Amino acid sequence: MSDLYFELTILLENLAHNYGVPNGNYYFRINKMMPGQQEYRKKVVEFMKHYEHTLKVFSDTPNYDVLQSFVNDTLKKMIDNVLKGDNKEVEKRYKYYIMNEL
């Protein structure tokens, strides 16, 4: 991992847990919904994709295309992990949500 992208890598690796899950939980809670596991994962991913908007802030920086490629590739991997059920934090928080909302 390049030192240049060190902080971004950490951010993207934790995006589901620190941004997607809390927003997803709130969304389901205020709408009084009990999502299935795949629906929950998709909502987490929906919030994760919001980072694409943040990335646009860097569009006028040098080598933006390289940055964009790095972020898109990393974000895609993180999203795939969530959708496949391979993100342990998301799976744990889903179980916790369901247990506490019944």
C-alpha atoms as a PDB file:
ATOM      1  CA  MET A   1       0.000   0.000   0.000  1.00  0.00           C
ATOM      2  CA  SER A   2       1.331   3.385  -0.965  1.00  0.00           C
ATOM      3  CA  ASP A   3       1.859   5.934   1.801  1.00  0.00           C
ATOM      4  CA  LEU A   4       0.003   8.374  -0.429  1.00  0.00           C
ATOM      5  CA  TYR A   5      -3.221   6.390  -0.035  1.00  0.00           C
ATOM      6  CA  PHE A   6      -2.683   5.068   3.480  1.00  0.00           C
ATOM      7  CA  GLU A   7      -5.435   7.153   5.117  1.00  0.00           C
ATOM      8  CA  LEU A   8      -7.852   6.566   2.262  1.00  0.00           C
ATOM      9  CA  THR A   9      -7.288   2.835   2.453  1.00  0.00           C
ATOM     10  CA  ILE A  10      -8.137   2.821   6.147  1.00  0.00           C
ATOM     11  CA  LEU A  11     -11.205   4.973   5.487  1.00  0.00           C
ATOM     12  CA  LEU A  12     -12.472   2.684   2.729  1.00  0.00           C
ATOM     13  CA  GLU A  13     -11.806  -0.465   4.754  1.00  0.00           C
ATOM     14  CA  ASN A  14     -13.928   0.939   7.580  1.00  0.00           C
ATOM     15  CA  LEU A  15     -16.557   2.741   5.507  1.00  0.00           C
ATOM     16  CA  ALA A  16     -19.189   0.022   5.893  1.00  0.00           C
ATOM     17  CA  HIS A  17     -18.757  -0.219   9.644  1.00  0.00           C
ATOM     18  CA  ASN A  18     -18.407   3.488  10.427  1.00  0.00           C
ATOM     19  CA  TYR A  19     -20.764   5.041   7.890  1.00  0.00           C
ATOM     20  CA  GLY A  20     -22.897   2.482   6.067  1.00  0.00           C
ATOM     21  CA  VAL A  21     -24.132   0.520   9.072  1.00  0.00           C
ATOM     22  CA  PRO A  22     -25.070   3.446  11.347  1.00  0.00           C
ATOM     23  CA  ASN A  23     -26.959   5.200   8.550  1.00  0.00           C
ATOM     24  CA  GLY A  24     -28.587   1.971   7.428  1.00  0.00           C
ATOM     25  CA  ASN A  25     -29.686   1.159  10.965  1.00  0.00           C
ATOM     26  CA  TYR A  26     -31.175   4.592  11.399  1.00  0.00           C
ATOM     27  CA  TYR A  27     -32.947   4.346   8.041  1.00  0.00           C
ATOM     28  CA  PHE A  28     -34.582   1.050   8.978  1.00  0.00           C
ATOM     29  CA  ARG A  29     -35.354   2.187  12.517  1.00  0.00           C
ATOM     30  CA  ILE A  30     -37.158   5.396  11.541  1.00  0.00           C
ATOM     31  CA  ASN A  31     -39.089   3.519   8.873  1.00  0.00           C
ATOM     32  CA  LYS A  32     -39.934   0.760  11.389  1.00  0.00           C
ATOM     33  CA  MET A  33     -38.544  -1.884   9.055  1.00  0.00           C
ATOM     34  CA  MET A  34     -37.114  -5.314   9.754  1.00  0.00           C
ATOM     35  CA  PRO A  35     -34.879  -5.902   6.742  1.00  0.00           C
ATOM     36  CA  GLY A  36     -33.744  -9.258   5.497  1.00  0.00           C
ATOM     37  CA  GLN A  37     -30.022  -9.803   5.514  1.00  0.00           C
ATOM     38  CA  GLN A  38     -29.531  -9.016   1.815  1.00  0.00           C
ATOM     39  CA  GLU A  39     -31.737  -5.909   2.035  1.00  0.00           C
ATOM     40  CA  TYR A  40     -29.631  -4.752   4.987  1.00  0.00           C
ATOM     41  CA  ARG A  41     -26.400  -5.310   3.063  1.00  0.00           C
ATOM     42  CA  LYS A  42     -27.734  -3.391   0.065  1.00  0.00           C
ATOM     43  CA  LYS A  43     -28.667  -0.421   2.242  1.00  0.00           C
ATOM     44  CA  VAL A  44     -25.194  -0.408   3.808  1.00  0.00           C
ATOM     45  CA  VAL A  45     -23.719  -0.417   0.290  1.00  0.00           C
ATOM     46  CA  GLU A  46     -26.020   2.405  -0.777  1.00  0.00           C
ATOM     47  CA  PHE A  47     -24.530   4.567   1.950  1.00  0.00           C
ATOM     48  CA  MET A  48     -20.984   3.423   1.154  1.00  0.00           C
ATOM     49  CA  LYS A  49     -21.451   4.644  -2.416  1.00  0.00           C
ATOM     50  CA  HIS A  50     -21.954   8.162  -1.080  1.00  0.00           C
ATOM     51  CA  TYR A  51     -18.159   8.344  -0.882  1.00  0.00           C
ATOM     52  CA  GLU A  52     -18.140   8.677  -4.674  1.00  0.00           C
ATOM     53  CA  HIS A  53     -19.586  12.171  -4.175  1.00  0.00           C
ATOM     54  CA  THR A  54     -16.826  13.041  -1.699  1.00  0.00           C
ATOM     55  CA  LEU A  55     -14.207  11.869  -4.182  1.00  0.00           C
ATOM     56  CA  LYS A  56     -15.370  14.529  -6.660  1.00  0.00           C
ATOM     57  CA  VAL A  57     -13.971  17.181  -4.314  1.00  0.00           C
ATOM     58  CA  PHE A  58     -10.516  16.071  -5.463  1.00  0.00           C
ATOM     59  CA  SER A  59     -11.323  16.373  -9.174  1.00  0.00           C
ATOM     60  CA  ASP A  60      -9.075  19.390  -9.687  1.00  0.00           C
ATOM     61  CA  THR A  61      -6.033  17.840  -7.993  1.00  0.00           C
ATOM     62  CA  PRO A  62      -3.011  16.417  -9.807  1.00  0.00           C
ATOM     63  CA  ASN A  63      -3.376  12.786 -10.873  1.00  0.00           C
ATOM     64  CA  TYR A  64      -7.061  12.705 -10.038  1.00  0.00           C
ATOM     65  CA  ASP A  65      -7.583   9.874 -12.503  1.00  0.00           C
ATOM     66  CA  VAL A  66      -5.114   7.699 -10.577  1.00  0.00           C
ATOM     67  CA  LEU A  67      -6.788   8.558  -7.276  1.00  0.00           C
ATOM     68  CA  GLN A  68     -10.222   7.895  -8.730  1.00  0.00           C
ATOM     69  CA  SER A  69      -9.117   4.530 -10.067  1.00  0.00           C
ATOM     70  CA  PHE A  70      -7.608   3.556  -6.716  1.00  0.00           C
ATOM     71  CA  VAL A  71     -10.728   4.561  -4.782  1.00  0.00           C
ATOM     72  CA  ASN A  72     -13.117   2.924  -7.237  1.00  0.00           C
ATOM     73  CA  ASP A  73     -11.175  -0.353  -7.216  1.00  0.00           C
ATOM     74  CA  THR A  74     -10.888  -0.413  -3.426  1.00  0.00           C
ATOM     75  CA  LEU A  75     -14.501   0.624  -2.898  1.00  0.00           C
ATOM     76  CA  LYS A  76     -15.673  -2.082  -5.289  1.00  0.00           C
ATOM     77  CA  LYS A  77     -13.780  -4.713  -3.288  1.00  0.00           C
ATOM     78  CA  MET A  78     -15.279  -3.461  -0.028  1.00  0.00           C
ATOM     79  CA  ILE A  79     -18.791  -3.411  -1.525  1.00  0.00           C
ATOM     80  CA  ASP A  80     -18.385  -6.926  -2.925  1.00  0.00           C
ATOM     81  CA  ASN A  81     -17.341  -8.126   0.535  1.00  0.00           C
ATOM     82  CA  VAL A  82     -20.453  -6.614   2.093  1.00  0.00           C
ATOM     83  CA  LEU A  83     -22.794  -8.043  -0.537  1.00  0.00           C
ATOM     84  CA  LYS A  84     -21.261 -11.529  -0.236  1.00  0.00           C
ATOM     85  CA  GLY A  85     -21.569 -11.446   3.557  1.00  0.00           C
ATOM     86  CA  ASP A  86     -17.799 -11.399   4.030  1.00  0.00           C
ATOM     87  CA  ASN A  87     -17.668  -8.212   6.112  1.00  0.00           C
ATOM     88  CA  LYS A  88     -17.748  -9.518   9.683  1.00  0.00           C
ATOM     89  CA  GLU A  89     -18.635  -6.140  11.179  1.00  0.00           C
ATOM     90  CA  VAL A  90     -21.671  -5.696   8.928  1.00  0.00           C
ATOM     91  CA  GLU A  91     -22.874  -9.222   9.661  1.00  0.00           C
ATOM     92  CA  LYS A  92     -22.416  -8.713  13.393  1.00  0.00           C
ATOM     93  CA  ARG A  93     -24.278  -5.406  13.339  1.00  0.00           C
ATOM     94  CA  TYR A  94     -27.138  -6.942  11.320  1.00  0.00           C
ATOM     95  CA  LYS A  95     -27.623  -9.626  13.968  1.00  0.00           C
ATOM     96  CA  TYR A  96     -27.437  -7.003  16.699  1.00  0.00           C
ATOM     97  CA  TYR A  97     -29.980  -4.796  14.901  1.00  0.00           C
ATOM     98  CA  ILE A  98     -32.443  -7.650  14.420  1.00  0.00           C
ATOM     99  CA  MET A  99     -32.069  -8.796  18.046  1.00  0.00           C
ATOM    100  CA  ASN A 100     -32.689  -5.333  19.441  1.00  0.00           C
ATOM    101  CA  GLU A 101     -35.507  -4.271  17.147  1.00  0.00           C
ATOM    102  CA  LEU A 102     -37.804  -7.280  17.663  1.00  0.00           C
END
